[in-house]
Every structure is written in structure tokens, then in C-alpha cells.
Protein backbone atom coordinates (compact mmCIF):
# COMPACT_ATOMS: atom_id res chain seq x y z
CA MET A 1 115.34 35.04 105.02
CA THR A 2 111.89 33.54 104.38
CA ILE A 3 109.48 31.52 106.47
CA LYS A 4 110.71 28.40 104.65
CA ASP A 5 114.28 29.21 105.74
CA ILE A 6 113.15 29.54 109.35
CA ALA A 7 111.38 26.18 109.12
CA LYS A 8 114.49 24.51 107.70
CA LEU A 9 116.75 25.92 110.40
CA ALA A 10 114.32 24.84 113.14
CA GLY A 11 113.74 21.40 111.63
CA VAL A 12 109.96 21.89 111.57
CA SER A 13 107.27 22.42 108.95
CA VAL A 14 106.28 25.76 107.45
CA GLY A 15 102.88 25.28 109.09
CA THR A 16 104.51 25.00 112.53
CA VAL A 17 106.43 28.25 111.99
CA SER A 18 103.17 29.90 110.90
CA ARG A 19 101.43 28.72 114.08
CA VAL A 20 104.26 30.12 116.22
CA ILE A 21 104.11 33.47 114.40
CA ASN A 22 100.33 33.57 114.78
CA HIS A 23 100.49 32.59 118.49
CA HIS A 24 98.46 29.40 118.13
CA PRO A 25 98.27 27.28 121.29
CA ASP A 26 98.86 23.91 119.58
CA VAL A 27 102.68 24.15 119.58
CA SER A 28 104.88 22.67 122.30
CA ASP A 29 106.80 25.10 124.51
CA SER A 30 110.15 23.70 123.39
CA THR A 31 109.31 24.04 119.69
CA ARG A 32 107.93 27.54 120.20
CA LEU A 33 111.09 28.68 122.00
CA LYS A 34 113.31 27.12 119.31
CA VAL A 35 111.46 28.82 116.47
CA GLU A 36 111.25 32.17 118.26
CA SER A 37 114.98 32.13 119.04
CA ILE A 38 115.83 31.49 115.38
CA ILE A 39 113.45 34.25 114.27
CA SER A 40 115.16 36.64 116.70
CA ARG A 41 118.68 35.52 115.75
CA GLU A 42 118.07 35.84 112.02
CA GLY A 43 116.19 39.12 112.29
CA PHE A 44 113.18 37.66 110.48
CA GLU A 45 110.25 40.09 110.40
CA PRO A 46 106.97 38.71 108.99
CA ASN A 47 104.72 41.28 107.38
CA SER A 48 102.39 42.56 110.10
CA ASN A 49 99.36 42.57 107.82
CA ALA A 50 99.84 39.47 105.67
CA ARG A 51 102.00 36.37 106.00
CA LEU A 52 102.55 34.68 102.67
CA LEU A 53 103.35 30.99 102.88
CA LYS A 54 104.77 29.67 99.60
CA ASN A 55 104.93 26.04 98.52
CA ASN A 56 107.94 24.55 96.76
CA THR A 57 106.33 25.16 93.37
CA GLU A 58 104.87 28.34 91.94
CA SER A 59 101.21 28.52 92.87
CA ASP A 60 98.25 28.98 90.57
CA ILE A 61 95.57 29.75 93.17
CA ALA A 62 95.79 32.26 96.02
CA ILE A 63 93.85 31.77 99.25
CA LEU A 64 93.33 34.81 101.49
CA ILE A 65 92.23 34.00 105.04
CA LYS A 66 90.93 36.69 107.41
CA GLY A 67 92.06 36.39 111.03
CA THR A 68 95.21 34.74 112.33
CA GLN A 69 93.37 32.96 115.17
CA ASN A 70 90.11 32.00 113.46
CA LEU A 71 89.82 28.25 114.06
CA PHE A 72 86.71 27.91 111.89
CA LEU A 73 88.38 29.44 108.83
CA GLU A 74 91.48 27.33 109.47
CA SER A 75 89.37 24.17 109.38
CA LEU A 76 87.88 25.36 106.09
CA LEU A 77 91.37 26.12 104.79
CA GLU A 78 92.56 22.59 105.53
CA LYS A 79 89.63 21.02 103.66
CA ILE A 80 90.10 23.36 100.69
CA GLN A 81 93.83 22.59 100.49
CA ILE A 82 93.11 18.86 100.43
CA LEU A 83 90.54 19.25 97.65
CA LEU A 84 92.89 21.42 95.59
CA ALA A 85 95.74 18.95 96.03
CA GLU A 86 93.49 16.10 94.91
CA SER A 87 92.80 18.14 91.75
CA GLY A 88 96.51 18.70 91.13
CA GLU A 89 96.45 22.36 92.18
CA ASN A 90 98.84 24.18 94.50
CA ALA A 91 97.94 27.21 96.58
CA ASN A 92 99.62 30.26 98.07
CA ILE A 93 98.09 31.14 101.43
CA VAL A 94 97.94 34.69 102.77
CA PHE A 95 97.00 35.15 106.44
CA LEU A 96 95.48 38.58 107.12
CA ASP A 97 94.54 40.40 110.27
CA GLU A 98 90.76 40.33 110.74
CA SER A 99 90.63 44.12 110.23
CA ALA A 100 92.73 44.08 107.03
CA ASP A 101 91.37 44.70 103.53
CA ALA A 102 91.58 41.32 101.79
CA VAL A 103 90.54 42.75 98.42
CA LYS A 104 93.35 45.32 98.47
CA THR A 105 95.81 42.48 99.06
CA ALA A 106 94.24 40.47 96.24
CA VAL A 107 94.60 43.39 93.83
CA GLN A 108 98.34 43.52 94.61
CA ILE A 109 98.76 39.75 94.20
CA ASN A 110 96.71 39.81 90.98
CA ALA A 111 99.04 42.41 89.48
CA GLN A 112 102.29 40.84 90.68
CA LYS A 113 101.72 37.07 90.64
CA HIS A 114 98.90 36.63 88.08
CA PRO A 115 97.21 33.66 89.82
CA LYS A 116 94.54 31.66 88.02
CA GLY A 117 92.04 32.38 90.78
CA PHE A 118 91.37 33.55 94.32
CA ILE A 119 89.58 31.99 97.28
CA PHE A 120 88.62 34.48 100.00
CA LEU A 121 87.95 32.92 103.41
CA GLY A 122 85.98 35.68 105.09
CA GLY A 123 85.99 39.32 104.09
CA ASP A 124 84.19 42.63 104.34
CA VAL A 125 81.61 42.95 101.53
CA LYS A 126 82.14 46.74 101.49
CA ASN A 127 85.76 46.19 100.42
CA PHE A 128 84.59 44.03 97.51
CA SER A 129 82.19 46.76 96.40
CA ARG A 130 84.98 49.30 96.51
CA SER A 131 87.82 47.59 94.67
CA PHE A 132 87.12 44.01 93.50
CA ALA A 133 86.60 45.28 89.94
CA GLN A 134 90.40 45.41 89.75
CA VAL A 135 90.61 41.60 90.18
CA SER A 136 90.25 40.00 86.76
CA VAL A 137 90.41 36.25 87.48
CA PRO A 138 87.73 33.80 88.72
CA SER A 139 87.26 34.11 92.48
CA VAL A 140 85.16 32.68 95.30
CA LEU A 141 84.11 34.36 98.54
CA VAL A 142 83.48 31.78 101.26
CA THR A 143 81.29 32.46 104.36
CA GLN A 144 79.96 35.78 102.99
CA ASP A 145 77.18 36.46 100.47
CA ALA A 146 78.34 38.26 97.31
CA SER A 147 75.10 37.84 95.36
CA GLN A 148 74.25 41.56 95.53
CA LEU A 149 77.65 42.74 94.31
CA GLY A 150 77.09 41.83 90.67
CA PHE A 151 80.62 40.69 89.75
CA ALA A 152 80.55 38.05 87.02
CA ASN A 153 83.85 36.54 88.24
CA LEU A 154 82.99 36.35 91.98
CA SER A 155 80.96 33.40 93.30
CA SER A 156 79.99 32.99 96.94
CA PHE A 157 79.13 30.08 99.20
CA CYS A 158 77.96 30.74 102.74
CA THR A 159 75.61 29.88 105.54
CA ASP A 160 72.49 31.99 105.99
CA ASP A 161 73.95 33.84 108.98
CA TYR A 162 70.76 35.81 109.63
CA ALA A 163 68.70 32.62 109.87
CA GLY A 164 71.38 30.79 111.87
CA ALA A 165 71.66 33.55 114.46
CA ALA A 166 67.89 33.85 114.68
CA GLU A 167 67.62 30.11 115.35
CA ALA A 168 70.31 30.32 118.05
CA VAL A 169 68.38 33.01 119.93
CA ARG A 170 65.08 31.17 119.45
CA THR A 171 66.72 28.18 121.11
CA LEU A 172 67.69 30.25 124.16
CA LEU A 173 64.17 31.72 124.31
CA ALA A 174 62.66 28.23 124.13
CA TYR A 175 64.71 27.32 127.21
CA GLY A 176 63.15 30.22 129.12
CA HIS A 177 65.91 32.81 128.81
CA ARG A 178 64.91 36.45 128.45
CA LYS A 179 68.07 38.28 129.55
CA ILE A 180 70.43 37.39 126.73
CA GLY A 181 73.81 38.96 126.06
CA ILE A 182 75.36 38.99 122.58
CA LEU A 183 79.10 38.85 121.95
CA GLY A 184 80.32 39.47 118.40
CA GLY A 185 82.88 41.07 116.14
CA TYR A 186 83.74 44.76 116.05
CA MET A 187 82.34 45.10 112.52
CA SER A 188 78.90 43.85 113.61
CA TYR A 189 77.79 47.33 114.71
CA ASN A 190 79.34 50.61 113.58
CA GLY A 191 77.69 53.00 116.02
CA GLU A 192 75.05 53.98 113.49
CA GLY A 193 73.46 50.66 112.64
CA ILE A 194 73.79 46.88 112.61
CA THR A 195 76.07 45.68 109.80
CA SER A 196 76.29 41.94 110.58
CA PRO A 197 73.57 39.43 109.57
CA ARG A 198 74.33 37.46 112.75
CA LEU A 199 73.62 40.47 114.94
CA ALA A 200 70.59 41.47 112.87
CA GLY A 201 69.07 37.98 113.09
CA ALA A 202 69.54 37.86 116.86
CA ALA A 203 68.18 41.38 117.41
CA ASP A 204 65.09 40.82 115.26
CA VAL A 205 64.10 37.63 117.11
CA LEU A 206 64.47 39.34 120.49
CA GLN A 207 62.28 42.22 119.37
CA GLU A 208 59.70 39.81 117.89
CA HIS A 209 59.35 38.36 121.40
CA GLY A 210 58.90 41.78 122.98
CA ILE A 211 62.44 41.96 124.37
CA PRO A 212 63.99 45.40 123.69
CA PHE A 213 67.44 45.32 122.08
CA ASP A 214 69.84 48.25 122.18
CA PRO A 215 73.16 47.44 120.47
CA GLU A 216 74.91 50.13 122.51
CA GLU A 217 73.95 48.32 125.72
CA ASP A 218 73.13 44.73 124.84
CA PHE A 219 75.92 43.95 122.36
CA THR A 220 79.60 43.55 123.30
CA PRO A 221 82.24 43.60 120.54
CA SER A 222 85.41 41.50 120.57
CA ARG A 223 88.18 40.34 118.30
CA PHE A 224 87.89 36.66 117.38
CA SER A 225 90.62 35.38 119.71
CA PHE A 226 90.67 33.60 123.05
CA PRO A 227 92.33 36.44 125.06
CA ASP A 228 90.14 39.20 123.62
CA SER A 229 86.91 37.21 123.93
CA HIS A 230 87.73 36.35 127.54
CA GLN A 231 88.29 40.00 128.38
CA ALA A 232 85.17 41.18 126.52
CA ALA A 233 82.99 38.47 128.03
CA ARG A 234 84.10 39.28 131.55
CA LYS A 235 83.35 42.96 130.94
CA MET A 236 79.88 42.06 129.66
CA LEU A 237 79.03 39.74 132.56
CA GLU A 238 80.24 42.25 135.16
CA LYS A 239 78.31 45.08 133.53
CA HIS A 240 75.10 43.01 133.21
CA PRO A 241 75.00 40.56 136.14
CA GLY A 242 71.39 39.62 135.33
CA ILE A 243 72.29 37.91 132.06
CA THR A 244 71.28 34.24 132.08
CA ALA A 245 72.39 33.31 128.55
CA VAL A 246 74.88 34.45 125.91
CA PHE A 247 74.83 34.08 122.13
CA THR A 248 78.26 34.48 120.56
CA HIS A 249 79.09 35.04 116.89
CA SER A 250 81.72 32.30 116.92
CA ASP A 251 82.74 29.29 118.99
CA VAL A 252 86.07 30.95 119.76
CA LEU A 253 84.11 33.69 121.51
CA SER A 254 82.11 31.03 123.41
CA VAL A 255 85.36 29.71 124.87
CA GLY A 256 86.08 33.22 126.15
CA VAL A 257 82.64 33.34 127.79
CA LEU A 258 83.23 29.94 129.37
CA ARG A 259 86.48 31.15 130.93
CA ALA A 260 84.98 34.46 132.08
CA ALA A 261 82.07 32.65 133.71
CA ALA A 262 84.49 30.48 135.67
CA ASP A 263 86.40 33.59 136.78
CA LEU A 264 83.17 35.06 138.14
CA HIS A 265 82.12 31.78 139.80
CA LEU A 266 79.21 31.28 137.42
CA ARG A 267 78.30 27.69 136.58
CA VAL A 268 77.62 26.72 132.98
CA PRO A 269 74.83 25.91 132.29
CA GLU A 270 73.21 26.20 135.75
CA ASP A 271 73.85 29.96 136.06
CA LEU A 272 74.69 30.84 132.47
CA SER A 273 73.77 29.17 129.19
CA ILE A 274 75.98 29.62 126.10
CA ILE A 275 75.43 29.02 122.40
CA GLY A 276 77.99 29.88 119.74
CA TYR A 277 78.37 29.75 115.99
CA ASP A 278 80.47 27.75 113.49
CA GLY A 279 80.66 24.21 114.92
CA ILE A 280 84.43 23.90 115.37
CA GLU A 281 85.70 20.55 116.62
CA TYR A 282 86.63 21.96 120.05
CA THR A 283 82.95 22.31 121.01
CA ASP A 284 82.66 18.51 121.21
CA TYR A 285 85.47 18.33 123.77
CA SER A 286 85.04 21.43 125.95
CA LEU A 287 83.69 21.09 129.48
CA PRO A 288 80.76 21.41 129.23
CA ARG A 289 80.32 20.69 125.53
CA LEU A 290 79.36 23.96 123.87
CA ALA A 291 76.10 24.37 121.96
CA THR A 292 76.60 25.88 118.52
CA VAL A 293 75.13 26.69 115.13
CA ARG A 294 77.09 24.24 112.99
CA GLN A 295 78.16 25.31 109.53
CA ASN A 296 78.72 22.54 106.97
CA THR A 297 82.44 22.97 106.29
CA ASP A 298 82.60 19.94 104.01
CA ALA A 299 79.95 21.37 101.69
CA LEU A 300 81.37 24.91 101.85
CA ALA A 301 84.84 23.68 100.90
CA ARG A 302 83.69 21.25 98.21
CA ARG A 303 81.31 23.63 96.44
CA SER A 304 83.84 26.48 96.55
CA VAL A 305 86.66 24.43 95.02
CA GLU A 306 84.41 22.77 92.43
CA ASP A 307 83.01 26.10 91.30
CA LEU A 308 86.38 27.84 91.08
CA LEU A 309 88.08 25.04 89.14
CA PHE A 310 85.12 24.73 86.76
CA ARG A 311 85.14 28.46 86.01
CA ILE A 312 88.93 28.48 85.55
CA CYS A 313 88.68 25.55 83.14
CA CYS A 314 85.48 26.07 81.27
CA GLY A 315 84.21 29.53 82.04
CA ARG A 316 80.79 30.54 83.31
CA GLU A 317 79.30 33.34 85.34
CA ALA A 318 79.46 33.35 89.10
CA VAL A 319 77.00 31.39 91.23
CA HIS A 320 75.81 32.04 94.79
CA GLU A 321 74.60 29.39 97.20
CA LYS A 322 73.46 29.20 100.82
CA ILE A 323 74.66 26.00 102.51
CA PRO A 324 72.26 24.57 105.16
CA PHE A 325 73.21 24.78 108.84
CA SER A 326 72.15 22.82 111.92
CA VAL A 327 71.80 23.71 115.60
CA ASP A 328 73.64 21.47 118.05
CA ILE A 329 72.07 21.75 121.50
CA LYS A 330 74.65 20.38 123.89
CA GLU A 331 75.61 20.64 127.54
CA SER A 332 76.08 24.43 127.74
CA ILE A 333 72.32 25.15 127.64
CA SER A 334 69.78 24.50 130.38
CA HIS A 335 66.26 25.67 131.18
CA HIS A 336 65.80 28.92 133.07
CA THR A 337 62.76 29.88 135.09
CA GLU A 338 62.17 33.53 135.90
CA THR A 339 61.43 34.26 139.56
CA ASP A 340 59.99 37.30 141.29
CA GLY A 341 62.83 37.32 143.81
CA THR A 342 60.59 36.55 146.82
CA GLU A 343 61.62 32.98 147.56
């Protein structure tokens, strides 16, 4: 029994079955119950670390996507699939948990399936340093910088996350905020030092403005999902009631902050300003509309696909590019004036 069999029995697409398995909200209750009942009846057990979705034809390119609830990477995936299809290429898609080792999975696929190339959507650079040498085909790492790794077959296209995070915090400072909380991923800080460019950029700007930053106290980690971000944000706001603004490492985390603020009867932006990262479509429709550092997904997808197909076809060494970002200041940010508490 495969995921395609489940889709056929349920009368839905493979993508719909994937969304049910990955607990995405954009599936109707009736469809979700139908798919889940068939999964239970047939004893279907998707791999807990990677869910491989195969097309009707054998694929030449493998796409590994980190995080089963990462809306930003899913939007990138959709654009990349369209560009590959327009070029006559098919793709196998592997969904990985955000803590999984994508390179280890790629090594296994490389040995068993012999794809023409890999596209990694997200990934831990340390894992590439450790084992990417075992991947022999042209590959592209999207959203992370691989320029320092030195692999001739691994290109990278990403946003300058350090600069983007720094600009987000500068924006909050320009609006008068000085007590700023930061919500990010678990891999941003390992207990010994900052490992994420987004956290480093934010911390450096705070310290440049004379605002002390202690990652043990001023940074709250979370998985990149709505339930986990909601729980982490509420913990942060309850622990630090003086916070007037929050910078999150993704827009998904911003949604969690928005919900936590409502739980605690905090108005956004009157009591709490929020700015996120990525620029997912939801930020244009939330209430209030969420400010964000917008990554250029069109350029990231296009350059990644163009580079991979060119290197598969004609051969050349890897290239590394930073794609420009923009800051969208929307309804979730307002000015804050410090008071001495006497009025």
C-alpha cells in the first residue's frame, strides 16, 4: 500500500493525502476523516522521518523539503515544481521533519535511485559538511548559504538572513521599541553560541543600540508550526510581560504570537508589535496584516532550477547567490513611547 493507493481509494489527489498526513489545515473535515479512515483500515504507515511522494513516471530530480508544516518552503516547492514541469522534468519529493538530516536521506536516495540532481529546500549546513561528499550529482541548496563548504557540485541561492533579521530589528527600534522578544527555531542557539544568521543579525543590532541581549533569557525557541509557536509565544509573553515587540524567524511563528497575544488580552499593534520573516501569502490576509521580511520566492525558485538544469546539461562548477529581500511594514507594527510609569 502506497500513498498513491490511498489517494485512489479516497478519490483525492496525492497532494491531499500528503496534507492530511502532515496535518495541514487546508483540508475539509469530511475529506480528512475519509482519508484517515482509509489509512487506518489499510494499515498504511508513512515513514515517520520522510514521506516520499512519487509521480506516475520515474523521476530524474529529487527535492528534499525540511519541515512538514513550513508554509514558506511549500510555496517555494510549488514554484520549483512548475518550473521543472515547464522544462520537461519530473520530481520526487521527500518531506522531512525539521530536525532530520536531509543530507543523510540524499545519500541513500543517491545510492538507490541515481537521480540526475537534488534540490534541498532548507537544511543544516553542518550536515552538508559532514556527509555531502557522498552525493555525486549536481545539487542546489535553497535558503541556506553553501559558499563556504567548497563542494563543486553544490550551488546555493538564499536571502542574506543576517541582513534581513538586522533590518527587521532596526525597524522595531525605529518605531521606539526597546524591549524586544525574539522567537526562532531550536537550532538558532545551541546553549554555547548563536548558530543562526537570523538570530545573530537581530542580536548584533540590539547590542549596537546599547540593548543587552542574552540568548538564554531573551530568545525563545520553537518548532516552525502553529501549535508549537503559539505555546512558545505564550510562554515568552508570560515570562516577560514588559515586551512591547516581537521579531520572529518565520511568519508561521508570527501567527503563533498573534494568537498568544489574543489569549493574554494584548492588542496588536497597540500593546504588542510583531514582525516576521519569509513573506508568505497569509501575512496579507491576517488580522491585522503581519509585517514581514519578504524573501523573493520567484527569484529563488527560478535561479535554483536554472542553475541545476544547466549544470546537469552542460556542466560547470557551483555558484552561490544572495537574492535581495524587502521589508513589508504593515498593520502589526505601531510606534511605542517609553514612559516613566508616573502618569
